[in-house]
Protein backbone atom coordinates (compact mmCIF):
# COMPACT_ATOMS: atom_id res chain seq x y z
CA UNK A 1 0.00 0.00 0.00
CA UNK A 2 1.52 3.35 -0.94
CA UNK A 3 2.07 5.88 1.85
CA UNK A 4 -1.15 7.78 2.48
CA UNK A 5 -3.21 5.19 0.62
CA UNK A 6 -6.58 4.15 2.00
CA UNK A 7 -7.48 0.50 2.21
CA UNK A 8 -9.83 -1.67 4.18
CA UNK A 9 -11.24 -5.13 4.61
CA UNK A 10 -14.81 -6.35 4.60
CA UNK A 11 -16.46 -9.75 4.84
CA UNK A 12 -19.40 -9.77 2.45
CA UNK A 13 -20.02 -13.54 2.60
CA UNK A 14 -22.43 -13.50 5.53
CA UNK A 15 -20.30 -16.22 7.14
CA UNK A 16 -17.93 -15.78 10.11
CA UNK A 17 -14.44 -14.75 9.08
CA UNK A 18 -11.07 -14.09 10.66
CA UNK A 19 -8.12 -12.03 9.57
CA UNK A 20 -4.45 -12.35 10.40
CA UNK A 21 -2.30 -9.20 10.43
CA UNK A 22 1.43 -9.69 10.51
CA UNK A 23 3.88 -6.93 11.39
CA UNK A 24 7.56 -7.66 11.78
CA UNK A 25 9.81 -6.02 14.34
CA UNK A 26 12.07 -3.21 13.31
CA UNK A 27 9.67 -1.71 10.84
CA UNK A 28 7.93 1.64 11.14
CA UNK A 29 4.94 -0.06 12.80
CA UNK A 30 6.86 -1.40 15.81
CA UNK A 31 5.49 1.33 18.11
CA UNK A 32 1.97 0.52 16.89
CA UNK A 33 2.24 -3.17 17.77
CA UNK A 34 3.93 -2.58 21.13
CA UNK A 35 1.45 0.12 22.19
CA UNK A 36 -1.59 -1.94 21.17
CA UNK A 37 -0.30 -4.94 23.13
CA UNK A 38 0.38 -2.79 26.20
CA UNK A 39 -3.02 -1.08 26.01
CA UNK A 40 -4.79 -4.44 25.69
CA UNK A 41 -3.04 -5.74 28.81
CA UNK A 42 -3.72 -2.66 30.93
CA UNK A 43 -6.75 -1.10 29.22
CA UNK A 44 -4.85 2.14 29.80
CA UNK A 45 -5.94 4.27 26.84
CA UNK A 46 -8.72 6.75 27.31
CA UNK A 47 -10.60 8.16 24.30
CA UNK A 48 -8.19 11.09 23.80
CA UNK A 49 -5.16 8.76 23.95
CA UNK A 50 -6.76 6.36 21.45
CA UNK A 51 -7.58 9.19 19.05
CA UNK A 52 -4.03 10.59 19.18
CA UNK A 53 -2.51 7.11 18.80
CA UNK A 54 -4.61 6.15 15.77
CA UNK A 55 -4.05 9.52 14.10
CA UNK A 56 -0.29 9.18 14.67
CA UNK A 57 -0.37 5.77 12.99
CA UNK A 58 -2.80 6.68 10.19
CA UNK A 59 -5.33 4.13 11.44
CA UNK A 60 -9.03 4.87 11.12
CA UNK A 61 -11.67 2.36 12.28
CA UNK A 62 -14.93 2.60 10.35
PDB file of N, CA and C in Angstrom:
ATOM      1  N   UNK A   1       0.850  -1.170   0.000  1.00  0.00           N
ATOM      2  CA  UNK A   1       0.000   0.000   0.000  1.00  0.00           C
ATOM      3  C   UNK A   1       0.894   1.230   0.000  1.00  0.00           C
ATOM      4  N   UNK A   2       0.708   2.142  -0.923  1.00  0.00           N
ATOM      5  CA  UNK A   2       1.518   3.355  -0.939  1.00  0.00           C
ATOM      6  C   UNK A   2       1.243   4.225   0.289  1.00  0.00           C
ATOM      7  N   UNK A   3       2.235   4.991   0.712  1.00  0.00           N
ATOM      8  CA  UNK A   3       2.067   5.882   1.852  1.00  0.00           C
ATOM      9  C   UNK A   3       0.891   6.817   1.596  1.00  0.00           C
ATOM     10  N   UNK A   4       0.024   6.930   2.589  1.00  0.00           N
ATOM     11  CA  UNK A   4      -1.152   7.781   2.477  1.00  0.00           C
ATOM     12  C   UNK A   4      -2.328   7.111   1.791  1.00  0.00           C
ATOM     13  N   UNK A   5      -2.125   5.902   1.289  1.00  0.00           N
ATOM     14  CA  UNK A   5      -3.206   5.185   0.618  1.00  0.00           C
ATOM     15  C   UNK A   5      -4.259   4.723   1.612  1.00  0.00           C
ATOM     16  N   UNK A   6      -5.478   4.611   1.161  1.00  0.00           N
ATOM     17  CA  UNK A   6      -6.579   4.153   2.003  1.00  0.00           C
ATOM     18  C   UNK A   6      -6.945   2.748   1.558  1.00  0.00           C
ATOM     19  N   UNK A   7      -7.059   1.854   2.521  1.00  0.00           N
ATOM     20  CA  UNK A   7      -7.483   0.501   2.206  1.00  0.00           C
ATOM     21  C   UNK A   7      -8.288  -0.036   3.367  1.00  0.00           C
ATOM     22  N   UNK A   8      -9.014  -1.079   3.132  1.00  0.00           N
ATOM     23  CA  UNK A   8      -9.828  -1.665   4.183  1.00  0.00           C
ATOM     24  C   UNK A   8     -10.174  -3.092   3.844  1.00  0.00           C
ATOM     25  N   UNK A   9     -10.857  -3.741   4.764  1.00  0.00           N
ATOM     26  CA  UNK A   9     -11.241  -5.131   4.615  1.00  0.00           C
ATOM     27  C   UNK A   9     -12.704  -5.268   5.006  1.00  0.00           C
ATOM     28  N   UNK A  10     -13.404  -6.141   4.295  1.00  0.00           N
ATOM     29  CA  UNK A  10     -14.814  -6.354   4.602  1.00  0.00           C
ATOM     30  C   UNK A  10     -15.166  -7.796   4.259  1.00  0.00           C
ATOM     31  N   UNK A  11     -15.946  -8.412   5.100  1.00  0.00           N
ATOM     32  CA  UNK A  11     -16.455  -9.752   4.842  1.00  0.00           C
ATOM     33  C   UNK A  11     -17.878  -9.614   4.312  1.00  0.00           C
ATOM     34  N   UNK A  12     -18.076  -9.893   3.057  1.00  0.00           N
ATOM     35  CA  UNK A  12     -19.402  -9.773   2.452  1.00  0.00           C
ATOM     36  C   UNK A  12     -20.083 -11.127   2.269  1.00  0.00           C
ATOM     37  N   UNK A  13     -19.491 -12.194   2.819  1.00  0.00           N
ATOM     38  CA  UNK A  13     -20.022 -13.536   2.601  1.00  0.00           C
ATOM     39  C   UNK A  13     -21.215 -13.869   3.482  1.00  0.00           C
ATOM     40  N   UNK A  14     -21.381 -13.147   4.592  1.00  0.00           N
ATOM     41  CA  UNK A  14     -22.431 -13.503   5.529  1.00  0.00           C
ATOM     42  C   UNK A  14     -22.014 -14.609   6.483  1.00  0.00           C
ATOM     43  N   UNK A  15     -20.842 -15.173   6.287  1.00  0.00           N
ATOM     44  CA  UNK A  15     -20.296 -16.222   7.145  1.00  0.00           C
ATOM     45  C   UNK A  15     -19.243 -15.626   8.070  1.00  0.00           C
ATOM     46  N   UNK A  16     -18.998 -16.257   9.228  1.00  0.00           N
ATOM     47  CA  UNK A  16     -17.929 -15.775  10.106  1.00  0.00           C
ATOM     48  C   UNK A  16     -16.589 -15.785   9.375  1.00  0.00           C
ATOM     49  N   UNK A  17     -15.748 -14.846   9.712  1.00  0.00           N
ATOM     50  CA  UNK A  17     -14.436 -14.750   9.080  1.00  0.00           C
ATOM     51  C   UNK A  17     -13.409 -14.326  10.120  1.00  0.00           C
ATOM     52  N   UNK A  18     -12.165 -14.576   9.813  1.00  0.00           N
ATOM     53  CA  UNK A  18     -11.074 -14.087  10.657  1.00  0.00           C
ATOM     54  C   UNK A  18     -10.019 -13.486   9.750  1.00  0.00           C
ATOM     55  N   UNK A  19      -9.160 -12.684  10.339  1.00  0.00           N
ATOM     56  CA  UNK A  19      -8.116 -12.025   9.570  1.00  0.00           C
ATOM     57  C   UNK A  19      -6.836 -12.048  10.389  1.00  0.00           C
ATOM     58  N   UNK A  20      -5.756 -12.338   9.754  1.00  0.00           N
ATOM     59  CA  UNK A  20      -4.451 -12.345  10.397  1.00  0.00           C
ATOM     60  C   UNK A  20      -3.645 -11.168   9.874  1.00  0.00           C
ATOM     61  N   UNK A  21      -3.186 -10.299  10.791  1.00  0.00           N
ATOM     62  CA  UNK A  21      -2.301  -9.197  10.432  1.00  0.00           C
ATOM     63  C   UNK A  21      -0.920  -9.540  10.942  1.00  0.00           C
ATOM     64  N   UNK A  22       0.072  -9.365  10.114  1.00  0.00           N
ATOM     65  CA  UNK A  22       1.435  -9.686  10.507  1.00  0.00           C
ATOM     66  C   UNK A  22       2.316  -8.465  10.319  1.00  0.00           C
ATOM     67  N   UNK A  23       2.915  -8.011  11.412  1.00  0.00           N
ATOM     68  CA  UNK A  23       3.884  -6.929  11.389  1.00  0.00           C
ATOM     69  C   UNK A  23       5.182  -7.493  11.926  1.00  0.00           C
ATOM     70  N   UNK A  24       6.277  -7.178  11.291  1.00  0.00           N
ATOM     71  CA  UNK A  24       7.561  -7.662  11.779  1.00  0.00           C
ATOM     72  C   UNK A  24       8.269  -6.568  12.553  1.00  0.00           C
ATOM     73  N   UNK A  25       9.060  -6.973  13.522  1.00  0.00           N
ATOM     74  CA  UNK A  25       9.807  -6.019  14.340  1.00  0.00           C
ATOM     75  C   UNK A  25      10.801  -5.233  13.498  1.00  0.00           C
ATOM     76  N   UNK A  26      11.077  -4.044  13.968  1.00  0.00           N
ATOM     77  CA  UNK A  26      12.072  -3.214  13.310  1.00  0.00           C
ATOM     78  C   UNK A  26      11.510  -2.300  12.243  1.00  0.00           C
ATOM     79  N   UNK A  27      10.285  -2.546  11.859  1.00  0.00           N
ATOM     80  CA  UNK A  27       9.669  -1.710  10.837  1.00  0.00           C
ATOM     81  C   UNK A  27       9.059  -0.468  11.454  1.00  0.00           C
ATOM     82  N   UNK A  28       8.510   0.406  10.629  1.00  0.00           N
ATOM     83  CA  UNK A  28       7.926   1.642  11.140  1.00  0.00           C
ATOM     84  C   UNK A  28       6.679   1.421  11.988  1.00  0.00           C
ATOM     85  N   UNK A  29       6.139   0.210  12.017  1.00  0.00           N
ATOM     86  CA  UNK A  29       4.939  -0.063  12.795  1.00  0.00           C
ATOM     87  C   UNK A  29       5.239  -0.678  14.157  1.00  0.00           C
ATOM     88  N   UNK A  30       6.507  -0.762  14.547  1.00  0.00           N
ATOM     89  CA  UNK A  30       6.856  -1.396  15.813  1.00  0.00           C
ATOM     90  C   UNK A  30       6.159  -0.712  16.995  1.00  0.00           C
ATOM     91  N   UNK A  31       6.166   0.615  17.019  1.00  0.00           N
ATOM     92  CA  UNK A  31       5.494   1.334  18.106  1.00  0.00           C
ATOM     93  C   UNK A  31       4.010   1.005  18.139  1.00  0.00           C
ATOM     94  N   UNK A  32       3.391   0.863  16.976  1.00  0.00           N
ATOM     95  CA  UNK A  32       1.967   0.523  16.895  1.00  0.00           C
ATOM     96  C   UNK A  32       1.700  -0.797  17.601  1.00  0.00           C
ATOM     97  N   UNK A  33       2.461  -1.826  17.230  1.00  0.00           N
ATOM     98  CA  UNK A  33       2.243  -3.166  17.774  1.00  0.00           C
ATOM     99  C   UNK A  33       2.510  -3.181  19.279  1.00  0.00           C
ATOM    100  N   UNK A  34       3.596  -2.576  19.711  1.00  0.00           N
ATOM    101  CA  UNK A  34       3.929  -2.580  21.133  1.00  0.00           C
ATOM    102  C   UNK A  34       2.900  -1.813  21.957  1.00  0.00           C
ATOM    103  N   UNK A  35       2.432  -0.686  21.457  1.00  0.00           N
ATOM    104  CA  UNK A  35       1.454   0.119  22.193  1.00  0.00           C
ATOM    105  C   UNK A  35       0.110  -0.589  22.264  1.00  0.00           C
ATOM    106  N   UNK A  36      -0.321  -1.198  21.171  1.00  0.00           N
ATOM    107  CA  UNK A  36      -1.593  -1.938  21.166  1.00  0.00           C
ATOM    108  C   UNK A  36      -1.541  -3.075  22.174  1.00  0.00           C
ATOM    109  N   UNK A  37      -0.444  -3.816  22.193  1.00  0.00           N
ATOM    110  CA  UNK A  37      -0.305  -4.938  23.131  1.00  0.00           C
ATOM    111  C   UNK A  37      -0.353  -4.434  24.568  1.00  0.00           C
ATOM    112  N   UNK A  38       0.343  -3.350  24.847  1.00  0.00           N
ATOM    113  CA  UNK A  38       0.376  -2.795  26.200  1.00  0.00           C
ATOM    114  C   UNK A  38      -1.010  -2.294  26.601  1.00  0.00           C
ATOM    115  N   UNK A  39      -1.686  -1.615  25.712  1.00  0.00           N
ATOM    116  CA  UNK A  39      -3.021  -1.084  26.009  1.00  0.00           C
ATOM    117  C   UNK A  39      -4.014  -2.219  26.256  1.00  0.00           C
ATOM    118  N   UNK A  40      -3.885  -3.301  25.503  1.00  0.00           N
ATOM    119  CA  UNK A  40      -4.786  -4.442  25.685  1.00  0.00           C
ATOM    120  C   UNK A  40      -4.577  -5.083  27.054  1.00  0.00           C
ATOM    121  N   UNK A  41      -3.329  -5.142  27.496  1.00  0.00           N
ATOM    122  CA  UNK A  41      -3.039  -5.738  28.808  1.00  0.00           C
ATOM    123  C   UNK A  41      -3.550  -4.861  29.946  1.00  0.00           C
ATOM    124  N   UNK A  42      -3.402  -3.555  29.815  1.00  0.00           N
ATOM    125  CA  UNK A  42      -3.724  -2.663  30.931  1.00  0.00           C
ATOM    126  C   UNK A  42      -5.005  -1.880  30.733  1.00  0.00           C
ATOM    127  N   UNK A  43      -5.576  -1.918  29.541  1.00  0.00           N
ATOM    128  CA  UNK A  43      -6.746  -1.095  29.221  1.00  0.00           C
ATOM    129  C   UNK A  43      -6.491   0.340  29.654  1.00  0.00           C
ATOM    130  N   UNK A  44      -5.308   0.861  29.280  1.00  0.00           N
ATOM    131  CA  UNK A  44      -4.852   2.141  29.800  1.00  0.00           C
ATOM    132  C   UNK A  44      -5.159   3.339  28.912  1.00  0.00           C
ATOM    133  N   UNK A  45      -5.698   3.139  27.739  1.00  0.00           N
ATOM    134  CA  UNK A  45      -5.943   4.266  26.841  1.00  0.00           C
ATOM    135  C   UNK A  45      -7.340   4.821  27.054  1.00  0.00           C
ATOM    136  N   UNK A  46      -7.408   6.126  27.301  1.00  0.00           N
ATOM    137  CA  UNK A  46      -8.716   6.751  27.307  1.00  0.00           C
ATOM    138  C   UNK A  46      -9.025   7.197  25.876  1.00  0.00           C
ATOM    139  N   UNK A  47     -10.178   7.795  25.662  1.00  0.00           N
ATOM    140  CA  UNK A  47     -10.603   8.161  24.304  1.00  0.00           C
ATOM    141  C   UNK A  47      -9.629   9.125  23.631  1.00  0.00           C
ATOM    142  N   UNK A  48      -9.130  10.114  24.364  1.00  0.00           N
ATOM    143  CA  UNK A  48      -8.185  11.086  23.795  1.00  0.00           C
ATOM    144  C   UNK A  48      -6.868  10.408  23.405  1.00  0.00           C
ATOM    145  N   UNK A  49      -6.385   9.496  24.262  1.00  0.00           N
ATOM    146  CA  UNK A  49      -5.156   8.758  23.949  1.00  0.00           C
ATOM    147  C   UNK A  49      -5.335   7.900  22.705  1.00  0.00           C
ATOM    148  N   UNK A  50      -6.487   7.207  22.622  1.00  0.00           N
ATOM    149  CA  UNK A  50      -6.760   6.360  21.449  1.00  0.00           C
ATOM    150  C   UNK A  50      -6.790   7.192  20.174  1.00  0.00           C
ATOM    151  N   UNK A  51      -7.484   8.333  20.227  1.00  0.00           N
ATOM    152  CA  UNK A  51      -7.582   9.195  19.047  1.00  0.00           C
ATOM    153  C   UNK A  51      -6.205   9.650  18.593  1.00  0.00           C
ATOM    154  N   UNK A  52      -5.386  10.128  19.519  1.00  0.00           N
ATOM    155  CA  UNK A  52      -4.032  10.589  19.180  1.00  0.00           C
ATOM    156  C   UNK A  52      -3.192   9.444  18.622  1.00  0.00           C
ATOM    157  N   UNK A  53      -3.285   8.285  19.240  1.00  0.00           N
ATOM    158  CA  UNK A  53      -2.512   7.115  18.804  1.00  0.00           C
ATOM    159  C   UNK A  53      -2.886   6.711  17.378  1.00  0.00           C
ATOM    160  N   UNK A  54      -4.180   6.574  17.107  1.00  0.00           N
ATOM    161  CA  UNK A  54      -4.609   6.154  15.771  1.00  0.00           C
ATOM    162  C   UNK A  54      -4.293   7.213  14.718  1.00  0.00           C
ATOM    163  N   UNK A  55      -4.424   8.476  15.047  1.00  0.00           N
ATOM    164  CA  UNK A  55      -4.047   9.524  14.097  1.00  0.00           C
ATOM    165  C   UNK A  55      -2.547   9.476  13.800  1.00  0.00           C
ATOM    166  N   UNK A  56      -1.746   9.254  14.841  1.00  0.00           N
ATOM    167  CA  UNK A  56      -0.285   9.185  14.665  1.00  0.00           C
ATOM    168  C   UNK A  56       0.105   8.023  13.759  1.00  0.00           C
ATOM    169  N   UNK A  57      -0.688   6.954  13.784  1.00  0.00           N
ATOM    170  CA  UNK A  57      -0.370   5.771  12.991  1.00  0.00           C
ATOM    171  C   UNK A  57      -1.261   5.629  11.756  1.00  0.00           C
ATOM    172  N   UNK A  58      -1.946   6.699  11.382  1.00  0.00           N
ATOM    173  CA  UNK A  58      -2.803   6.683  10.186  1.00  0.00           C
ATOM    174  C   UNK A  58      -3.748   5.492  10.183  1.00  0.00           C
ATOM    175  N   UNK A  59      -4.384   5.246  11.314  1.00  0.00           N
ATOM    176  CA  UNK A  59      -5.326   4.128  11.443  1.00  0.00           C
ATOM    177  C   UNK A  59      -6.700   4.697  11.764  1.00  0.00           C
ATOM    178  N   UNK A  60      -7.680   4.353  10.953  1.00  0.00           N
ATOM    179  CA  UNK A  60      -9.035   4.874  11.123  1.00  0.00           C
ATOM    180  C   UNK A  60     -10.007   3.708  11.086  1.00  0.00           C
ATOM    181  N   UNK A  61     -10.684   3.430  12.206  1.00  0.00           N
ATOM    182  CA  UNK A  61     -11.666   2.357  12.278  1.00  0.00           C
ATOM    183  C   UNK A  61     -12.992   2.894  11.796  1.00  0.00           C
ATOM    184  N   UNK A  62     -13.626   2.177  10.870  1.00  0.00           N
ATOM    185  CA  UNK A  62     -14.927   2.604  10.349  1.00  0.00           C
ATOM    186  C   UNK A  62     -15.948   1.506  10.498  1.00  0.00           C
TER     187      UNK A  62
END
